[in-house]
């Protein structure tokens, strides 16, 4: 089991950058594939990014590709989401998620992740 805590959200302006962090508990963090999802008011939860257990493979949603970068540090039990060129449509609650059983083709589905953080709010003003 893993416990996730996100941080780094806030209020920024269009074009600004922000880095989200996700701290994971447990001694087997390297066994988990990790992901970021986001949810705006009145909308469904949206896939943002995922990263494999070693950090070698990353996946991005079409709306953030080229602007966001996901990384992990297994020595620190940390996952990061660097968000550049932020847009008002990036406004949402961002959630960190973990899965110990994830296989390729499932990384974009929120149902594939068993563990979730409480979320951190990102607001981008125009």
Protein backbone atom coordinates (compact mmCIF):
# COMPACT_ATOMS: atom_id res chain seq x y z
CA UNK A 1 0.00 0.00 0.00
CA UNK A 2 1.15 3.56 -0.67
CA UNK A 3 0.01 6.91 0.70
CA UNK A 4 0.23 9.92 -1.62
CA UNK A 5 0.38 13.63 -0.78
CA UNK A 6 0.42 16.30 -3.47
CA UNK A 7 1.79 19.81 -3.11
CA UNK A 8 2.80 22.78 -5.21
CA UNK A 9 -0.52 24.00 -6.53
CA UNK A 10 -1.49 27.65 -6.55
CA UNK A 11 -2.75 30.65 -8.48
CA UNK A 12 -0.69 31.70 -11.50
CA UNK A 13 -1.13 33.70 -14.68
CA UNK A 14 -1.33 32.50 -18.27
CA UNK A 15 2.11 31.57 -19.51
CA UNK A 16 3.55 30.95 -16.06
CA UNK A 17 5.13 27.73 -14.83
CA UNK A 18 4.40 25.59 -11.80
CA UNK A 19 5.85 22.37 -10.43
CA UNK A 20 3.68 19.88 -8.61
CA UNK A 21 5.16 17.31 -6.27
CA UNK A 22 3.77 14.04 -4.99
CA UNK A 23 5.31 12.42 -1.93
CA UNK A 24 4.74 8.69 -1.52
CA UNK A 25 5.08 6.61 1.61
CA UNK A 26 6.23 3.03 1.71
CA UNK A 27 9.45 1.18 0.97
CA UNK A 28 8.36 -0.24 -2.40
CA UNK A 29 7.76 2.99 -4.29
CA UNK A 30 9.78 1.75 -7.26
CA UNK A 31 7.18 -1.00 -7.75
CA UNK A 32 4.49 1.54 -8.63
CA UNK A 33 3.68 3.16 -11.92
CA UNK A 34 2.61 6.73 -11.23
CA UNK A 35 0.30 9.19 -12.93
CA UNK A 36 -1.21 12.64 -12.73
CA UNK A 37 -4.87 13.26 -13.44
CA UNK A 38 -6.86 16.45 -13.18
CA UNK A 39 -10.49 17.34 -12.72
CA UNK A 40 -12.12 20.68 -13.42
CA UNK A 41 -15.54 21.61 -11.98
CA UNK A 42 -18.33 19.86 -13.86
CA UNK A 43 -15.92 17.78 -15.93
CA UNK A 44 -14.70 14.22 -15.84
CA UNK A 45 -11.31 13.28 -14.46
CA UNK A 46 -8.73 13.74 -17.24
CA UNK A 47 -5.46 11.91 -17.80
CA UNK A 48 -2.47 14.24 -17.70
CA UNK A 49 0.64 12.10 -17.54
CA UNK A 50 2.03 8.75 -16.46
CA UNK A 51 5.48 7.39 -15.78
CA UNK A 52 6.79 3.86 -15.59
CA UNK A 53 8.38 2.27 -12.56
CA UNK A 54 11.96 3.09 -13.55
CA UNK A 55 11.11 6.51 -14.98
CA UNK A 56 12.29 5.56 -18.45
CA UNK A 57 8.85 5.77 -20.06
CA UNK A 58 6.47 8.70 -19.88
CA UNK A 59 3.07 9.30 -21.41
CA UNK A 60 1.11 12.51 -21.84
CA UNK A 61 -2.38 13.62 -22.62
CA UNK A 62 -2.76 15.48 -25.91
CA UNK A 63 -3.73 18.73 -24.19
CA UNK A 64 -0.48 18.94 -22.19
CA UNK A 65 2.03 17.30 -24.54
CA UNK A 66 5.00 19.56 -25.10
CA UNK A 67 4.17 21.77 -22.10
CA UNK A 68 4.22 19.38 -19.14
CA UNK A 69 7.01 17.05 -18.05
CA UNK A 70 6.64 14.25 -15.55
CA UNK A 71 9.56 12.77 -13.62
CA UNK A 72 10.25 10.65 -10.58
CA UNK A 73 13.00 10.17 -8.03
CA UNK A 74 12.76 6.68 -6.58
CA UNK A 75 15.48 7.44 -4.01
CA UNK A 76 13.22 10.12 -2.52
CA UNK A 77 9.83 8.50 -3.15
CA UNK A 78 8.83 11.56 -5.17
CA UNK A 79 7.01 12.26 -8.40
CA UNK A 80 6.96 15.64 -10.10
CA UNK A 81 4.94 17.42 -12.76
CA UNK A 82 6.63 20.42 -14.32
CA UNK A 83 3.98 22.55 -15.99
CA UNK A 84 5.06 25.27 -18.41
CA UNK A 85 3.12 27.70 -20.58
CA UNK A 86 0.06 27.29 -18.41
CA UNK A 87 -3.34 28.13 -19.86
CA UNK A 88 -6.67 28.92 -18.18
CA UNK A 89 -7.97 25.55 -19.35
CA UNK A 90 -5.31 23.90 -17.18
CA UNK A 91 -7.26 25.07 -14.14
CA UNK A 92 -8.27 21.99 -12.14
CA UNK A 93 -7.58 19.91 -9.08
CA UNK A 94 -4.54 17.77 -9.85
CA UNK A 95 -4.32 14.29 -8.40
CA UNK A 96 -1.38 11.94 -8.03
CA UNK A 97 -2.16 8.25 -8.54
CA UNK A 98 -0.27 4.97 -8.15
CA UNK A 99 -0.65 1.47 -9.45
CA UNK A 100 1.40 -1.66 -8.71
CA UNK A 101 -0.31 -3.68 -11.44
CA UNK A 102 -0.43 -1.24 -14.36
CA UNK A 103 0.22 -2.63 -17.83
CA UNK A 104 0.70 -0.79 -21.11
CA UNK A 105 -2.53 0.44 -22.68
CA UNK A 106 -4.05 1.11 -19.26
CA UNK A 107 -1.96 4.09 -18.24
CA UNK A 108 -4.58 6.65 -19.34
CA UNK A 109 -7.49 5.08 -17.47
CA UNK A 110 -8.15 6.34 -13.95
CA UNK A 111 -9.68 2.97 -13.06
CA UNK A 112 -6.23 1.37 -13.41
CA UNK A 113 -4.91 3.23 -10.37
CA UNK A 114 -5.73 2.00 -6.88
CA UNK A 115 -4.14 4.75 -4.82
CA UNK A 116 -4.87 8.47 -4.95
CA UNK A 117 -3.78 11.61 -3.20
CA UNK A 118 -6.11 14.29 -1.91
CA UNK A 119 -5.40 16.65 -4.81
CA UNK A 120 -3.90 20.11 -5.16
CA UNK A 121 -5.65 23.07 -6.79
CA UNK A 122 -4.09 24.77 -9.79
CA UNK A 123 -5.73 27.97 -10.99
CA UNK A 124 -4.52 29.81 -14.07
CA UNK A 125 -5.89 33.30 -14.57
CA UNK A 126 -6.20 34.88 -18.00
